[in-house]
All heavy atoms as atom14 arrays in JSON, in Angstrom:
{
  "sequence": "RRTLKHLVEEKYRSGEALVKMLTDTDNFRGVKFSDTHPEVAKMVG",
  "atom14_mask": [
    [1, 1, 1, 1, 1, 1, 1, 1, 1, 1, 1, 0, 0, 0],
    [1, 1, 1, 1, 1, 1, 1, 1, 1, 1, 1, 0, 0, 0],
    [1, 1, 1, 1, 1, 1, 1, 0, 0, 0, 0, 0, 0, 0],
    [1, 1, 1, 1, 1, 1, 1, 1, 0, 0, 0, 0, 0, 0],
    [1, 1, 1, 1, 1, 1, 1, 1, 1, 0, 0, 0, 0, 0],
    [1, 1, 1, 1, 1, 1, 1, 1, 1, 1, 0, 0, 0, 0],
    [1, 1, 1, 1, 1, 1, 1, 1, 0, 0, 0, 0, 0, 0],
    [1, 1, 1, 1, 1, 1, 1, 0, 0, 0, 0, 0, 0, 0],
    [1, 1, 1, 1, 1, 1, 1, 1, 1, 0, 0, 0, 0, 0],
    [1, 1, 1, 1, 1, 1, 1, 1, 1, 0, 0, 0, 0, 0],
    [1, 1, 1, 1, 1, 1, 1, 1, 1, 0, 0, 0, 0, 0],
    [1, 1, 1, 1, 1, 1, 1, 1, 1, 1, 1, 1, 0, 0],
    [1, 1, 1, 1, 1, 1, 1, 1, 1, 1, 1, 0, 0, 0],
    [1, 1, 1, 1, 1, 1, 0, 0, 0, 0, 0, 0, 0, 0],
    [1, 1, 1, 1, 0, 0, 0, 0, 0, 0, 0, 0, 0, 0],
    [1, 1, 1, 1, 1, 1, 1, 1, 1, 0, 0, 0, 0, 0],
    [1, 1, 1, 1, 1, 0, 0, 0, 0, 0, 0, 0, 0, 0],
    [1, 1, 1, 1, 1, 1, 1, 1, 0, 0, 0, 0, 0, 0],
    [1, 1, 1, 1, 1, 1, 1, 0, 0, 0, 0, 0, 0, 0],
    [1, 1, 1, 1, 1, 1, 1, 1, 1, 0, 0, 0, 0, 0],
    [1, 1, 1, 1, 1, 1, 1, 1, 0, 0, 0, 0, 0, 0],
    [1, 1, 1, 1, 1, 1, 1, 1, 0, 0, 0, 0, 0, 0],
    [1, 1, 1, 1, 1, 1, 1, 0, 0, 0, 0, 0, 0, 0],
    [1, 1, 1, 1, 1, 1, 1, 1, 0, 0, 0, 0, 0, 0],
    [1, 1, 1, 1, 1, 1, 1, 0, 0, 0, 0, 0, 0, 0],
    [1, 1, 1, 1, 1, 1, 1, 1, 0, 0, 0, 0, 0, 0],
    [1, 1, 1, 1, 1, 1, 1, 1, 0, 0, 0, 0, 0, 0],
    [1, 1, 1, 1, 1, 1, 1, 1, 1, 1, 1, 0, 0, 0],
    [1, 1, 1, 1, 1, 1, 1, 1, 1, 1, 1, 0, 0, 0],
    [1, 1, 1, 1, 0, 0, 0, 0, 0, 0, 0, 0, 0, 0],
    [1, 1, 1, 1, 1, 1, 1, 0, 0, 0, 0, 0, 0, 0],
    [1, 1, 1, 1, 1, 1, 1, 1, 1, 0, 0, 0, 0, 0],
    [1, 1, 1, 1, 1, 1, 1, 1, 1, 1, 1, 0, 0, 0],
    [1, 1, 1, 1, 1, 1, 0, 0, 0, 0, 0, 0, 0, 0],
    [1, 1, 1, 1, 1, 1, 1, 1, 0, 0, 0, 0, 0, 0],
    [1, 1, 1, 1, 1, 1, 1, 0, 0, 0, 0, 0, 0, 0],
    [1, 1, 1, 1, 1, 1, 1, 1, 1, 1, 0, 0, 0, 0],
    [1, 1, 1, 1, 1, 1, 1, 0, 0, 0, 0, 0, 0, 0],
    [1, 1, 1, 1, 1, 1, 1, 1, 1, 0, 0, 0, 0, 0],
    [1, 1, 1, 1, 1, 1, 1, 0, 0, 0, 0, 0, 0, 0],
    [1, 1, 1, 1, 1, 0, 0, 0, 0, 0, 0, 0, 0, 0],
    [1, 1, 1, 1, 1, 1, 1, 1, 1, 0, 0, 0, 0, 0],
    [1, 1, 1, 1, 1, 1, 1, 1, 0, 0, 0, 0, 0, 0],
    [1, 1, 1, 1, 1, 1, 1, 0, 0, 0, 0, 0, 0, 0],
    [1, 1, 1, 1, 0, 0, 0, 0, 0, 0, 0, 0, 0, 0]
  ],
  "atom14_positions": [
    [[-6.67, 0.14, -4.71], [-7.14, 1.42, -5.28], [-7.62, 2.38, -4.15], [-7.38, 3.63, -4.18], [-8.25, 1.22, -6.29], [-8.7, 2.47, -7.02], [-10.0, 2.21, -7.72], [-9.91, 1.23, -8.76], [-9.56, 1.48, -10.05], [-9.34, 2.69, -10.41], [-9.44, 0.48, -10.9], [0.0, 0.0, 0.0], [0.0, 0.0, 0.0], [0.0, 0.0, 0.0]],
    [[-8.35, 1.8, -3.16], [-8.87, 2.59, -2.06], [-7.75, 2.93, -1.07], [-7.63, 4.05, -0.59], [-9.99, 1.83, -1.32], [-11.19, 1.65, -2.21], [-12.35, 1.1, -1.41], [-12.16, -0.31, -1.04], [-12.45, -1.38, -1.8], [-13.02, -1.17, -3.0], [-12.23, -2.58, -1.35], [0.0, 0.0, 0.0], [0.0, 0.0, 0.0], [0.0, 0.0, 0.0]],
    [[-6.89, 1.98, -0.67], [-5.91, 2.23, 0.34], [-4.75, 3.11, -0.18], [-4.16, 3.8, 0.61], [-5.34, 0.93, 0.93], [-4.78, 0.15, -0.19], [-6.45, 0.09, 1.53], [0.0, 0.0, 0.0], [0.0, 0.0, 0.0], [0.0, 0.0, 0.0], [0.0, 0.0, 0.0], [0.0, 0.0, 0.0], [0.0, 0.0, 0.0], [0.0, 0.0, 0.0]],
    [[-4.47, 3.01, -1.46], [-3.32, 3.8, -2.0], [-3.59, 5.28, -1.83], [-2.68, 6.04, -1.57], [-3.18, 3.5, -3.47], [-2.41, 2.22, -3.88], [-2.58, 1.91, -5.32], [-0.94, 2.35, -3.51], [0.0, 0.0, 0.0], [0.0, 0.0, 0.0], [0.0, 0.0, 0.0], [0.0, 0.0, 0.0], [0.0, 0.0, 0.0], [0.0, 0.0, 0.0]],
    [[-4.84, 5.67, -1.86], [-5.15, 7.12, -1.75], [-4.83, 7.67, -0.39], [-4.5, 8.88, -0.24], [-6.66, 7.35, -2.05], [-6.99, 7.09, -3.53], [-8.48, 7.34, -3.74], [-8.88, 7.05, -5.25], [-10.31, 7.29, -5.42], [0.0, 0.0, 0.0], [0.0, 0.0, 0.0], [0.0, 0.0, 0.0], [0.0, 0.0, 0.0], [0.0, 0.0, 0.0]],
    [[-4.91, 6.8, 0.62], [-4.84, 7.35, 1.98], [-3.74, 6.81, 2.83], [-3.12, 7.53, 3.63], [-6.18, 7.05, 2.69], [-7.4, 7.57, 1.95], [-7.66, 8.9, 1.77], [-8.38, 6.91, 1.31], [-8.8, 9.04, 1.07], [-9.22, 7.84, 0.77], [0.0, 0.0, 0.0], [0.0, 0.0, 0.0], [0.0, 0.0, 0.0], [0.0, 0.0, 0.0]],
    [[-3.43, 5.5, 2.7], [-2.53, 4.85, 3.62], [-1.18, 4.54, 3.12], [-0.27, 4.33, 3.92], [-3.19, 3.53, 4.09], [-4.61, 3.69, 4.72], [-5.17, 2.29, 5.07], [-4.55, 4.51, 5.96], [0.0, 0.0, 0.0], [0.0, 0.0, 0.0], [0.0, 0.0, 0.0], [0.0, 0.0, 0.0], [0.0, 0.0, 0.0], [0.0, 0.0, 0.0]],
    [[-1.01, 4.49, 1.84], [0.26, 4.03, 1.21], [1.07, 5.29, 0.81], [0.58, 6.27, 0.3], [-0.02, 3.14, -0.01], [1.33, 2.75, -0.64], [-0.79, 1.91, 0.41], [0.0, 0.0, 0.0], [0.0, 0.0, 0.0], [0.0, 0.0, 0.0], [0.0, 0.0, 0.0], [0.0, 0.0, 0.0], [0.0, 0.0, 0.0], [0.0, 0.0, 0.0]],
    [[2.37, 5.2, 1.14], [3.28, 6.27, 0.87], [3.32, 6.59, -0.63], [3.14, 5.71, -1.49], [4.67, 5.97, 1.36], [4.82, 5.75, 2.88], [6.18, 5.33, 3.23], [7.14, 5.98, 2.81], [6.31, 4.3, 3.94], [0.0, 0.0, 0.0], [0.0, 0.0, 0.0], [0.0, 0.0, 0.0], [0.0, 0.0, 0.0], [0.0, 0.0, 0.0]],
    [[3.59, 7.87, -0.94], [3.67, 8.3, -2.33], [4.66, 7.47, -3.18], [4.44, 7.29, -4.32], [4.01, 9.78, -2.38], [4.25, 10.35, -3.8], [3.01, 10.24, -4.69], [1.88, 10.22, -4.15], [3.22, 10.2, -5.89], [0.0, 0.0, 0.0], [0.0, 0.0, 0.0], [0.0, 0.0, 0.0], [0.0, 0.0, 0.0], [0.0, 0.0, 0.0]],
    [[5.77, 7.07, -2.52], [6.76, 6.34, -3.31], [6.25, 5.03, -3.86], [6.76, 4.56, -4.91], [7.98, 6.09, -2.44], [7.75, 5.15, -1.23], [9.07, 4.95, -0.45], [8.86, 3.97, 0.67], [10.08, 3.76, 1.46], [0.0, 0.0, 0.0], [0.0, 0.0, 0.0], [0.0, 0.0, 0.0], [0.0, 0.0, 0.0], [0.0, 0.0, 0.0]],
    [[5.22, 4.43, -3.21], [4.61, 3.28, -3.76], [3.52, 3.65, -4.83], [3.43, 2.98, -5.87], [3.98, 2.45, -2.65], [4.95, 1.89, -1.66], [4.98, 2.37, -0.33], [5.84, 0.85, -2.02], [5.87, 1.81, 0.56], [6.77, 0.38, -1.08], [6.76, 0.87, 0.18], [7.69, 0.37, 1.09], [0.0, 0.0, 0.0], [0.0, 0.0, 0.0]],
    [[2.74, 4.63, -4.47], [1.71, 5.0, -5.44], [2.26, 5.44, -6.76], [1.73, 5.09, -7.87], [0.89, 6.21, -4.86], [-0.01, 5.87, -3.69], [-1.06, 6.98, -3.49], [-0.44, 8.29, -3.24], [-0.26, 8.78, -1.97], [-0.59, 8.04, -0.97], [0.27, 9.97, -1.83], [0.0, 0.0, 0.0], [0.0, 0.0, 0.0], [0.0, 0.0, 0.0]],
    [[3.36, 6.11, -6.75], [3.96, 6.63, -7.98], [4.76, 5.63, -8.75], [5.08, 5.79, -9.93], [4.86, 7.87, -7.67], [5.98, 7.39, -6.88], [0.0, 0.0, 0.0], [0.0, 0.0, 0.0], [0.0, 0.0, 0.0], [0.0, 0.0, 0.0], [0.0, 0.0, 0.0], [0.0, 0.0, 0.0], [0.0, 0.0, 0.0], [0.0, 0.0, 0.0]],
    [[5.17, 4.55, -8.06], [6.09, 3.57, -8.63], [7.52, 3.87, -8.41], [8.42, 3.07, -8.79], [0.0, 0.0, 0.0], [0.0, 0.0, 0.0], [0.0, 0.0, 0.0], [0.0, 0.0, 0.0], [0.0, 0.0, 0.0], [0.0, 0.0, 0.0], [0.0, 0.0, 0.0], [0.0, 0.0, 0.0], [0.0, 0.0, 0.0], [0.0, 0.0, 0.0]],
    [[7.81, 4.97, -7.67], [9.19, 5.35, -7.44], [9.97, 4.31, -6.71], [11.12, 3.99, -7.06], [9.21, 6.72, -6.58], [10.58, 7.11, -6.2], [10.54, 8.29, -5.27], [9.44, 8.87, -5.04], [11.58, 8.58, -4.66], [0.0, 0.0, 0.0], [0.0, 0.0, 0.0], [0.0, 0.0, 0.0], [0.0, 0.0, 0.0], [0.0, 0.0, 0.0]],
    [[9.38, 3.71, -5.65], [10.1, 2.72, -4.86], [10.4, 1.49, -5.72], [11.52, 0.91, -5.66], [9.28, 2.33, -3.64], [0.0, 0.0, 0.0], [0.0, 0.0, 0.0], [0.0, 0.0, 0.0], [0.0, 0.0, 0.0], [0.0, 0.0, 0.0], [0.0, 0.0, 0.0], [0.0, 0.0, 0.0], [0.0, 0.0, 0.0], [0.0, 0.0, 0.0]],
    [[9.46, 1.02, -6.5], [9.62, -0.13, -7.42], [10.74, 0.15, -8.39], [11.64, -0.7, -8.64], [8.32, -0.47, -8.1], [8.4, -1.57, -9.17], [8.77, -2.9, -8.49], [7.12, -1.68, -9.95], [0.0, 0.0, 0.0], [0.0, 0.0, 0.0], [0.0, 0.0, 0.0], [0.0, 0.0, 0.0], [0.0, 0.0, 0.0], [0.0, 0.0, 0.0]],
    [[10.68, 1.28, -9.09], [11.65, 1.58, -10.12], [13.01, 1.68, -9.5], [13.97, 1.19, -10.14], [11.26, 2.92, -10.79], [12.4, 3.39, -11.71], [9.99, 2.72, -11.67], [0.0, 0.0, 0.0], [0.0, 0.0, 0.0], [0.0, 0.0, 0.0], [0.0, 0.0, 0.0], [0.0, 0.0, 0.0], [0.0, 0.0, 0.0], [0.0, 0.0, 0.0]],
    [[13.17, 2.27, -8.35], [14.49, 2.37, -7.7], [15.06, 0.97, -7.44], [16.21, 0.66, -7.69], [14.42, 3.11, -6.43], [15.79, 3.34, -5.77], [15.72, 4.14, -4.53], [17.1, 4.49, -4.01], [18.01, 3.29, -3.86], [0.0, 0.0, 0.0], [0.0, 0.0, 0.0], [0.0, 0.0, 0.0], [0.0, 0.0, 0.0], [0.0, 0.0, 0.0]],
    [[14.23, 0.06, -6.9], [14.69, -1.32, -6.62], [15.1, -2.02, -7.86], [16.12, -2.67, -7.93], [13.57, -2.11, -5.89], [13.92, -3.54, -5.64], [12.71, -4.42, -4.63], [13.39, -3.97, -3.01], [0.0, 0.0, 0.0], [0.0, 0.0, 0.0], [0.0, 0.0, 0.0], [0.0, 0.0, 0.0], [0.0, 0.0, 0.0], [0.0, 0.0, 0.0]],
    [[14.26, -1.88, -8.96], [14.6, -2.48, -10.24], [15.92, -1.95, -10.81], [16.82, -2.75, -11.25], [13.44, -2.33, -11.2], [12.16, -3.05, -10.89], [11.07, -2.62, -11.82], [12.32, -4.62, -10.97], [0.0, 0.0, 0.0], [0.0, 0.0, 0.0], [0.0, 0.0, 0.0], [0.0, 0.0, 0.0], [0.0, 0.0, 0.0], [0.0, 0.0, 0.0]],
    [[16.01, -0.63, -10.89], [17.17, -0.04, -11.55], [18.48, -0.23, -10.81], [19.52, -0.38, -11.44], [16.92, 1.49, -11.81], [16.63, 2.08, -10.58], [15.81, 1.68, -12.77], [0.0, 0.0, 0.0], [0.0, 0.0, 0.0], [0.0, 0.0, 0.0], [0.0, 0.0, 0.0], [0.0, 0.0, 0.0], [0.0, 0.0, 0.0], [0.0, 0.0, 0.0]],
    [[18.42, -0.23, -9.49], [19.61, -0.43, -8.68], [20.22, -1.83, -9.06], [21.42, -1.93, -9.25], [19.33, -0.45, -7.2], [19.19, 0.99, -6.68], [19.44, 1.93, -7.5], [18.79, 1.17, -5.53], [0.0, 0.0, 0.0], [0.0, 0.0, 0.0], [0.0, 0.0, 0.0], [0.0, 0.0, 0.0], [0.0, 0.0, 0.0], [0.0, 0.0, 0.0]],
    [[19.37, -2.8, -9.12], [19.86, -4.19, -9.45], [20.18, -4.32, -10.91], [21.2, -4.92, -11.32], [18.79, -5.24, -9.07], [18.54, -5.08, -7.65], [19.32, -6.64, -9.3], [0.0, 0.0, 0.0], [0.0, 0.0, 0.0], [0.0, 0.0, 0.0], [0.0, 0.0, 0.0], [0.0, 0.0, 0.0], [0.0, 0.0, 0.0], [0.0, 0.0, 0.0]],
    [[19.36, -3.72, -11.77], [19.57, -3.74, -13.23], [20.93, -3.17, -13.6], [21.72, -3.7, -14.44], [18.47, -2.98, -13.98], [17.22, -3.77, -14.1], [17.18, -4.94, -13.61], [16.23, -3.27, -14.68], [0.0, 0.0, 0.0], [0.0, 0.0, 0.0], [0.0, 0.0, 0.0], [0.0, 0.0, 0.0], [0.0, 0.0, 0.0], [0.0, 0.0, 0.0]],
    [[21.24, -2.06, -13.0], [22.55, -1.35, -13.32], [23.72, -2.21, -12.94], [24.76, -2.29, -13.67], [22.61, -0.01, -12.51], [21.66, 1.02, -13.13], [21.21, 0.94, -14.24], [21.37, 2.03, -12.35], [0.0, 0.0, 0.0], [0.0, 0.0, 0.0], [0.0, 0.0, 0.0], [0.0, 0.0, 0.0], [0.0, 0.0, 0.0], [0.0, 0.0, 0.0]],
    [[23.62, -2.95, -11.85], [24.69, -3.8, -11.4], [24.83, -5.01, -12.3], [25.92, -5.49, -12.63], [24.54, -4.21, -9.93], [25.73, -4.93, -9.36], [26.84, -4.19, -8.96], [25.75, -6.3, -9.23], [27.96, -4.88, -8.44], [26.86, -6.95, -8.68], [27.96, -6.23, -8.3], [0.0, 0.0, 0.0], [0.0, 0.0, 0.0], [0.0, 0.0, 0.0]],
    [[23.67, -5.57, -12.72], [23.72, -6.81, -13.5], [23.82, -6.57, -14.99], [24.0, -7.51, -15.78], [22.41, -7.62, -13.2], [22.28, -8.14, -11.82], [21.02, -8.98, -11.56], [20.94, -9.46, -10.19], [19.89, -10.08, -9.68], [18.89, -10.36, -10.48], [19.84, -10.4, -8.43], [0.0, 0.0, 0.0], [0.0, 0.0, 0.0], [0.0, 0.0, 0.0]],
    [[23.62, -5.33, -15.39], [23.76, -5.06, -16.82], [22.58, -5.5, -17.62], [22.75, -5.92, -18.74], [0.0, 0.0, 0.0], [0.0, 0.0, 0.0], [0.0, 0.0, 0.0], [0.0, 0.0, 0.0], [0.0, 0.0, 0.0], [0.0, 0.0, 0.0], [0.0, 0.0, 0.0], [0.0, 0.0, 0.0], [0.0, 0.0, 0.0], [0.0, 0.0, 0.0]],
    [[21.34, -5.4, -17.06], [20.18, -5.78, -17.78], [19.13, -4.62, -17.69], [19.36, -3.66, -16.94], [19.53, -7.05, -17.2], [20.49, -8.22, -17.39], [19.18, -6.89, -15.68], [0.0, 0.0, 0.0], [0.0, 0.0, 0.0], [0.0, 0.0, 0.0], [0.0, 0.0, 0.0], [0.0, 0.0, 0.0], [0.0, 0.0, 0.0], [0.0, 0.0, 0.0]],
    [[18.01, -4.8, -18.34], [16.94, -3.74, -18.32], [15.61, -4.39, -18.23], [15.26, -5.25, -19.04], [17.03, -2.88, -19.6], [18.29, -2.04, -19.73], [18.32, -1.27, -21.06], [17.19, -0.23, -21.12], [17.35, 0.61, -22.33], [0.0, 0.0, 0.0], [0.0, 0.0, 0.0], [0.0, 0.0, 0.0], [0.0, 0.0, 0.0], [0.0, 0.0, 0.0]],
    [[14.85, -3.98, -17.24], [13.5, -4.42, -17.04], [12.65, -4.19, -18.27], [11.81, -5.06, -18.64], [12.88, -3.74, -15.81], [11.52, -4.18, -15.41], [11.24, -5.44, -15.04], [10.48, -3.25, -15.49], [9.92, -5.86, -14.71], [9.17, -3.58, -15.14], [8.89, -4.88, -14.72], [0.0, 0.0, 0.0], [0.0, 0.0, 0.0], [0.0, 0.0, 0.0]],
    [[12.84, -3.1, -18.93], [12.04, -2.77, -20.09], [12.28, -3.67, -21.29], [11.46, -3.74, -22.19], [12.3, -1.29, -20.5], [13.69, -1.06, -20.71], [0.0, 0.0, 0.0], [0.0, 0.0, 0.0], [0.0, 0.0, 0.0], [0.0, 0.0, 0.0], [0.0, 0.0, 0.0], [0.0, 0.0, 0.0], [0.0, 0.0, 0.0], [0.0, 0.0, 0.0]],
    [[13.41, -4.38, -21.32], [13.66, -5.29, -22.39], [12.78, -6.53, -22.32], [12.44, -7.12, -23.37], [15.15, -5.74, -22.37], [16.08, -4.67, -22.84], [15.62, -3.7, -23.45], [17.29, -4.78, -22.62], [0.0, 0.0, 0.0], [0.0, 0.0, 0.0], [0.0, 0.0, 0.0], [0.0, 0.0, 0.0], [0.0, 0.0, 0.0], [0.0, 0.0, 0.0]],
    [[12.39, -6.94, -21.14], [11.63, -8.15, -20.94], [10.23, -7.92, -20.54], [9.29, -8.7, -20.83], [12.3, -9.05, -19.86], [12.55, -8.26, -18.69], [13.62, -9.63, -20.38], [0.0, 0.0, 0.0], [0.0, 0.0, 0.0], [0.0, 0.0, 0.0], [0.0, 0.0, 0.0], [0.0, 0.0, 0.0], [0.0, 0.0, 0.0], [0.0, 0.0, 0.0]],
    [[9.97, -6.8, -19.83], [8.64, -6.45, -19.36], [8.21, -5.07, -19.83], [7.94, -4.18, -19.03], [8.61, -6.46, -17.8], [8.98, -7.78, -17.15], [10.28, -8.33, -17.24], [8.28, -8.58, -16.32], [10.3, -9.46, -16.58], [9.15, -9.65, -16.0], [0.0, 0.0, 0.0], [0.0, 0.0, 0.0], [0.0, 0.0, 0.0], [0.0, 0.0, 0.0]],
    [[8.18, -4.85, -21.16], [7.98, -3.46, -21.65], [6.72, -2.8, -21.23], [6.7, -1.59, -20.96], [8.06, -3.62, -23.18], [7.73, -5.07, -23.42], [8.25, -5.79, -22.25], [0.0, 0.0, 0.0], [0.0, 0.0, 0.0], [0.0, 0.0, 0.0], [0.0, 0.0, 0.0], [0.0, 0.0, 0.0], [0.0, 0.0, 0.0], [0.0, 0.0, 0.0]],
    [[5.62, -3.54, -21.18], [4.34, -2.94, -20.83], [4.32, -2.44, -19.36], [3.9, -1.29, -19.08], [3.19, -3.94, -21.03], [3.02, -4.47, -22.45], [3.92, -5.68, -22.7], [4.73, -6.04, -21.83], [3.77, -6.34, -23.74], [0.0, 0.0, 0.0], [0.0, 0.0, 0.0], [0.0, 0.0, 0.0], [0.0, 0.0, 0.0], [0.0, 0.0, 0.0]],
    [[4.79, -3.26, -18.46], [4.86, -2.84, -17.07], [5.86, -1.71, -16.83], [5.62, -0.76, -16.09], [5.17, -4.07, -16.14], [5.28, -3.61, -14.72], [4.07, -5.15, -16.3], [0.0, 0.0, 0.0], [0.0, 0.0, 0.0], [0.0, 0.0, 0.0], [0.0, 0.0, 0.0], [0.0, 0.0, 0.0], [0.0, 0.0, 0.0], [0.0, 0.0, 0.0]],
    [[7.01, -1.84, -17.54], [8.02, -0.83, -17.4], [7.47, 0.58, -17.78], [7.73, 1.54, -17.09], [9.22, -1.15, -18.29], [0.0, 0.0, 0.0], [0.0, 0.0, 0.0], [0.0, 0.0, 0.0], [0.0, 0.0, 0.0], [0.0, 0.0, 0.0], [0.0, 0.0, 0.0], [0.0, 0.0, 0.0], [0.0, 0.0, 0.0], [0.0, 0.0, 0.0]],
    [[6.67, 0.61, -18.85], [6.12, 1.92, -19.27], [5.14, 2.42, -18.25], [5.12, 3.6, -17.91], [5.44, 1.74, -20.6], [4.87, 3.04, -21.17], [4.3, 2.79, -22.58], [3.75, 4.11, -23.13], [3.17, 3.89, -24.5], [0.0, 0.0, 0.0], [0.0, 0.0, 0.0], [0.0, 0.0, 0.0], [0.0, 0.0, 0.0], [0.0, 0.0, 0.0]],
    [[4.29, 1.51, -17.68], [3.27, 1.97, -16.75], [3.88, 2.44, -15.42], [3.29, 3.42, -14.82], [2.29, 0.81, -16.43], [1.31, 0.54, -17.54], [0.11, -0.73, -17.15], [1.05, -2.26, -17.38], [0.0, 0.0, 0.0], [0.0, 0.0, 0.0], [0.0, 0.0, 0.0], [0.0, 0.0, 0.0], [0.0, 0.0, 0.0], [0.0, 0.0, 0.0]],
    [[4.95, 1.88, -14.96], [5.52, 2.3, -13.66], [6.55, 3.39, -13.76], [7.14, 3.8, -12.79], [6.13, 1.06, -12.92], [5.05, 0.01, -12.71], [7.33, 0.48, -13.61], [0.0, 0.0, 0.0], [0.0, 0.0, 0.0], [0.0, 0.0, 0.0], [0.0, 0.0, 0.0], [0.0, 0.0, 0.0], [0.0, 0.0, 0.0], [0.0, 0.0, 0.0]],
    [[6.83, 3.82, -15.01], [7.79, 4.88, -15.17], [9.25, 4.49, -15.23], [10.16, 5.29, -14.92], [0.0, 0.0, 0.0], [0.0, 0.0, 0.0], [0.0, 0.0, 0.0], [0.0, 0.0, 0.0], [0.0, 0.0, 0.0], [0.0, 0.0, 0.0], [0.0, 0.0, 0.0], [0.0, 0.0, 0.0], [0.0, 0.0, 0.0], [0.0, 0.0, 0.0]]
  ]
}
């Protein structure tokens, strides 16, 4: 919570980097993170 404000890139703070990694693989495998992890999927966008 403290380091995110100052030291961590925006792509991590926003969840953008995580979502990109998930969706790139999901699209290739034909699955959806939101089907199995709906709560986390909603929180990270």
